[in-house]
Amino acid sequence: MLYQSEMETEQRMREVQEAVMQGYMRPTRHQVDKTGVAYIGQGNVLRYISPEARQETLELLNSQLFVELVEKKLFPSTRIVEESSDKLVLQHDKAAFVIYPGEWSFSMLKKAVLTLLYIAELCGRHGWYLQDGHLWNMVFFGGSPMLVDFGSLKKGEQSTTQTFYWQALVYAFLPLLLWSEGDFYLANRLLTDTYPRRLQPFPSIGNTPIYQNRLKMFRRRRGLPYWSKLACNLCMLPFPPLRKYQ
């Protein structure tokens, strides 16, 4: 029997081959999403839903929240194009041309921020919440900003400690506030920044600069040969004649 990770890898490979044969490609900016993987085509977007997210996806598609989001043009029109016992594929409408937050005008930024907050409020009314609060998930369809991250819609109540609030503050509200005061440069730097939690406190060692830049040896598992060599090198430090063997 295959391990779960191996089964998931094989499934992803089949999805990639199928999508490529249909003329779709995976976007370079696409991040890891437990809900599924999106593939960009000429006129639409395909999203292969993960087995563990299947039930919540079907519940969302049949919810009053999703109907309202699509009707109010807050989320692209979405339909199921393939459904079986082990497979669920969605098709989303695609924007004719995508421009990123760092390329928006002030009025576009203001409209996107207000729309994002309105979507979050709407989700709360229906018992859902937004997982992410950054603006990379907002795409303009003509003059209307829409949320395009299907996996960001989650079932349940939103907590004030969740990611949405600090992301919305740093990547949406602060750039808008700075730009309104005339500081376009810093606002644009925040809009184009992809470094995680740059302006946030460090709740875990994994987000600190010293861990990212100095403690790289601890960022992945190392075997006994590596740690043996490291110990030997540390023992050689007090003995300058032996340093040439490090």
Protein backbone atom coordinates (compact mmCIF):
# COMPACT_ATOMS: atom_id res chain seq x y z
CA MET A 1 0.00 0.00 0.00
CA LEU A 2 1.25 3.47 -0.85
CA TYR A 3 1.79 6.02 1.90
CA GLN A 4 -0.59 8.98 1.92
CA SER A 5 2.12 11.36 0.67
CA GLU A 6 2.97 9.03 -2.21
CA MET A 7 -0.70 8.66 -3.12
CA GLU A 8 -1.11 12.45 -3.10
CA THR A 9 2.00 12.85 -5.27
CA GLU A 10 0.70 10.38 -7.83
CA GLN A 11 -2.68 12.11 -7.84
CA ARG A 12 -1.04 15.51 -8.39
CA MET A 13 1.01 14.11 -11.25
CA ARG A 14 -2.12 12.75 -12.93
CA GLU A 15 -3.83 16.13 -12.47
CA VAL A 16 -0.87 17.99 -13.98
CA GLN A 17 -0.75 15.66 -17.00
CA GLU A 18 -4.49 15.97 -17.52
CA ALA A 19 -4.44 19.78 -17.20
CA VAL A 20 -1.47 20.17 -19.55
CA MET A 21 -3.12 17.98 -22.18
CA GLN A 22 -6.15 20.31 -22.04
CA GLY A 23 -3.95 23.38 -22.54
CA TYR A 24 -3.83 24.53 -18.90
CA MET A 25 -0.80 25.57 -16.88
CA ARG A 26 -0.15 26.06 -13.19
CA PRO A 27 0.51 29.73 -12.27
CA THR A 28 3.99 30.49 -10.96
CA ARG A 29 2.60 32.51 -8.04
CA HIS A 30 0.36 29.68 -6.89
CA GLN A 31 1.06 28.67 -3.30
CA VAL A 32 0.35 25.46 -1.41
CA ASP A 33 -3.41 25.19 -0.91
CA LYS A 34 -5.00 22.30 0.98
CA THR A 35 -8.28 22.88 -0.86
CA GLY A 36 -6.81 22.04 -4.25
CA VAL A 37 -4.61 23.15 -7.13
CA ALA A 38 -5.62 25.68 -9.80
CA TYR A 39 -4.59 25.58 -13.45
CA ILE A 40 -4.89 28.54 -15.82
CA GLY A 41 -6.34 28.08 -19.31
CA GLN A 42 -7.12 30.40 -22.22
CA GLY A 43 -10.66 31.25 -21.14
CA ASN A 44 -11.12 29.82 -17.65
CA VAL A 45 -9.46 28.29 -14.59
CA LEU A 46 -9.67 24.66 -13.48
CA ARG A 47 -9.39 23.77 -9.81
CA TYR A 48 -8.77 20.16 -8.78
CA ILE A 49 -10.20 19.74 -5.28
CA SER A 50 -8.29 17.65 -2.74
CA PRO A 51 -10.17 14.61 -1.33
CA GLU A 52 -10.04 16.00 2.22
CA ALA A 53 -11.65 19.28 1.08
CA ARG A 54 -14.37 17.65 -1.03
CA GLN A 55 -17.18 17.79 1.55
CA GLU A 56 -16.58 21.40 2.58
CA THR A 57 -16.27 22.42 -1.09
CA LEU A 58 -19.67 20.94 -1.97
CA GLU A 59 -21.17 22.58 1.12
CA LEU A 60 -19.75 25.95 0.08
CA LEU A 61 -20.97 25.65 -3.51
CA ASN A 62 -24.51 24.93 -2.28
CA SER A 63 -24.48 27.64 0.39
CA GLN A 64 -26.36 30.92 0.30
CA LEU A 65 -23.04 32.70 0.86
CA PHE A 66 -21.56 31.49 -2.41
CA VAL A 67 -24.74 32.29 -4.32
CA GLU A 68 -24.64 35.83 -2.94
CA LEU A 69 -20.92 36.26 -3.70
CA VAL A 70 -21.42 35.29 -7.34
CA GLU A 71 -24.61 37.33 -7.76
CA LYS A 72 -22.94 40.45 -6.35
CA LYS A 73 -19.86 39.86 -8.55
CA LEU A 74 -17.60 39.38 -5.58
CA PHE A 75 -16.43 35.94 -6.78
CA PRO A 76 -16.08 34.61 -10.35
CA SER A 77 -18.82 32.37 -11.68
CA THR A 78 -18.01 28.77 -10.74
CA ARG A 79 -19.36 25.39 -11.83
CA ILE A 80 -18.58 21.71 -11.37
CA VAL A 81 -17.20 20.23 -14.59
CA GLU A 82 -16.28 16.77 -13.31
CA GLU A 83 -17.50 14.88 -10.27
CA SER A 84 -16.98 11.28 -9.23
CA SER A 85 -16.37 9.31 -6.06
CA ASP A 86 -12.66 10.21 -6.04
CA LYS A 87 -12.55 13.38 -8.12
CA LEU A 88 -14.00 16.88 -8.07
CA VAL A 89 -13.01 19.55 -10.59
CA LEU A 90 -14.32 23.13 -10.61
CA GLN A 91 -14.20 25.67 -13.41
CA HIS A 92 -13.95 29.40 -12.65
CA ASP A 93 -14.38 32.35 -15.00
CA LYS A 94 -11.06 34.02 -15.78
CA ALA A 95 -10.18 37.71 -15.87
CA ALA A 96 -9.19 38.95 -19.31
CA PHE A 97 -6.06 40.61 -17.92
CA VAL A 98 -4.49 40.40 -14.46
CA ILE A 99 -2.68 43.32 -12.82
CA TYR A 100 -1.17 42.91 -9.37
CA PRO A 101 -1.59 45.18 -6.31
CA GLY A 102 1.70 46.99 -6.93
CA GLU A 103 0.35 48.09 -10.32
CA TRP A 104 -3.00 49.45 -9.06
CA SER A 105 -3.98 53.10 -8.86
CA PHE A 106 -5.05 54.62 -5.55
CA SER A 107 -8.74 54.35 -6.42
CA MET A 108 -8.29 50.66 -7.37
CA LEU A 109 -6.52 49.96 -4.09
CA LYS A 110 -9.24 51.68 -2.09
CA LYS A 111 -11.97 49.76 -3.93
CA ALA A 112 -10.17 46.43 -3.46
CA VAL A 113 -9.66 46.99 0.28
CA LEU A 114 -13.30 47.95 0.84
CA THR A 115 -14.44 44.96 -1.21
CA LEU A 116 -12.21 42.58 0.77
CA LEU A 117 -13.61 43.86 4.07
CA TYR A 118 -17.16 43.61 2.75
CA ILE A 119 -16.58 39.99 1.69
CA ALA A 120 -15.24 39.19 5.16
CA GLU A 121 -18.33 40.77 6.73
CA LEU A 122 -20.61 38.86 4.35
CA CYS A 123 -18.89 35.58 5.22
CA GLY A 124 -19.47 36.21 8.92
CA ARG A 125 -23.20 36.65 8.37
CA HIS A 126 -23.43 33.17 6.85
CA GLY A 127 -21.20 31.30 9.30
CA TRP A 128 -18.04 31.35 7.19
CA TYR A 129 -14.80 33.34 7.33
CA LEU A 130 -11.86 34.43 5.16
CA GLN A 131 -8.59 32.69 5.94
CA ASP A 132 -6.33 35.21 4.12
CA GLY A 133 -6.49 38.99 4.23
CA HIS A 134 -3.83 39.99 1.70
CA LEU A 135 -4.57 41.55 -1.69
CA TRP A 136 -2.92 38.93 -3.90
CA ASN A 137 -6.28 37.12 -3.87
CA MET A 138 -8.11 40.13 -5.30
CA VAL A 139 -8.30 40.38 -9.11
CA PHE A 140 -10.04 43.09 -11.16
CA PHE A 141 -12.62 41.84 -13.65
CA GLY A 142 -12.99 45.06 -15.60
CA GLY A 143 -13.64 47.66 -12.93
CA SER A 144 -14.84 45.19 -10.27
CA PRO A 145 -12.40 43.59 -7.80
CA MET A 146 -13.26 39.96 -7.02
CA LEU A 147 -11.92 37.40 -4.59
CA VAL A 148 -10.40 34.53 -6.60
CA ASP A 149 -9.00 32.33 -3.83
CA PHE A 150 -11.64 29.62 -3.36
CA GLY A 151 -9.57 27.95 -0.65
CA SER A 152 -9.63 31.07 1.52
CA LEU A 153 -13.34 30.60 2.29
CA LYS A 154 -13.62 28.46 5.43
CA LYS A 155 -16.52 27.18 7.51
CA GLY A 156 -16.81 28.46 11.09
CA GLU A 157 -16.43 31.63 13.12
CA GLN A 158 -13.51 33.98 12.66
CA SER A 159 -11.25 34.68 15.62
CA THR A 160 -9.48 37.99 16.14
CA THR A 161 -6.21 36.05 16.41
CA GLN A 162 -6.52 34.50 12.95
CA THR A 163 -4.33 35.37 9.98
CA PHE A 164 -6.95 37.47 8.18
CA TYR A 165 -6.78 40.42 10.56
CA TRP A 166 -3.03 41.04 10.60
CA GLN A 167 -2.77 40.43 6.85
CA ALA A 168 -5.61 42.85 6.13
CA LEU A 169 -3.96 45.42 8.40
CA VAL A 170 -0.43 45.16 6.96
CA TYR A 171 -1.08 44.37 3.28
CA ALA A 172 -4.35 46.24 2.74
CA PHE A 173 -5.07 49.00 5.26
CA LEU A 174 -1.54 50.31 5.94
CA PRO A 175 -0.63 50.80 2.24
CA LEU A 176 -3.93 52.61 1.70
CA LEU A 177 -3.33 54.83 4.73
CA LEU A 178 0.26 55.64 3.72
CA TRP A 179 -0.70 56.42 0.14
CA SER A 180 -3.53 58.68 1.31
CA GLU A 181 -0.90 60.66 3.25
CA GLY A 182 1.24 61.02 0.12
CA ASP A 183 3.82 58.29 0.76
CA PHE A 184 3.45 56.30 -2.46
CA TYR A 185 6.90 54.69 -2.26
CA LEU A 186 6.45 52.92 1.09
CA ALA A 187 2.85 52.01 0.24
CA ASN A 188 3.97 50.42 -3.03
CA ARG A 189 6.77 48.55 -1.25
CA LEU A 190 4.21 46.99 1.09
CA LEU A 191 1.90 46.12 -1.79
CA THR A 192 4.67 44.27 -3.63
CA ASP A 193 6.26 42.69 -0.56
CA THR A 194 6.18 38.89 -0.39
CA TYR A 195 8.28 38.46 2.79
CA PRO A 196 6.05 36.83 5.43
CA ARG A 197 5.27 38.86 8.57
CA ARG A 198 7.87 41.55 7.87
CA LEU A 199 6.05 44.14 9.97
CA GLN A 200 4.65 41.66 12.50
CA PRO A 201 5.90 40.42 15.87
CA PHE A 202 7.54 37.01 15.74
CA PRO A 203 5.18 34.50 17.41
CA SER A 204 7.45 31.56 16.59
CA ILE A 205 11.15 31.00 16.00
CA GLY A 206 10.43 29.99 12.40
CA ASN A 207 9.47 33.57 11.48
CA THR A 208 12.49 35.34 12.94
CA PRO A 209 15.25 36.74 10.69
CA ILE A 210 17.94 34.85 12.61
CA TYR A 211 16.19 31.55 11.86
CA GLN A 212 15.65 32.40 8.19
CA ASN A 213 19.18 33.74 7.61
CA ARG A 214 21.51 32.25 10.23
CA LEU A 215 20.10 28.92 11.42
CA LYS A 216 19.61 27.30 8.03
CA MET A 217 21.05 24.03 9.31
CA PHE A 218 17.96 23.52 11.46
CA ARG A 219 15.42 24.21 8.70
CA ARG A 220 15.52 20.65 7.40
CA ARG A 221 16.27 17.22 8.78
CA ARG A 222 19.92 16.25 8.88
CA GLY A 223 21.43 12.79 9.18
CA LEU A 224 24.12 11.46 11.49
CA PRO A 225 26.99 12.13 9.01
CA TYR A 226 26.12 15.83 8.89
CA TRP A 227 25.98 16.27 12.68
CA SER A 228 29.20 14.24 13.10
CA LYS A 229 31.04 16.57 10.71
CA LEU A 230 29.57 19.60 12.48
CA ALA A 231 30.73 18.32 15.87
CA CYS A 232 34.23 17.66 14.53
CA ASN A 233 34.41 21.15 13.05
CA LEU A 234 33.35 22.72 16.32
CA CYS A 235 36.04 20.76 18.17
CA MET A 236 38.67 22.07 15.77
CA LEU A 237 37.87 25.74 16.47
CA PRO A 238 40.24 26.09 19.48
CA PHE A 239 43.10 24.53 17.44
CA PRO A 240 44.18 26.81 14.55
CA PRO A 241 46.55 24.19 12.99
CA LEU A 242 43.58 21.85 12.48
CA ARG A 243 41.23 24.39 10.87
CA LYS A 244 42.56 23.62 7.42
CA TYR A 245 40.87 20.20 7.74
CA GLN A 246 37.41 21.71 8.35
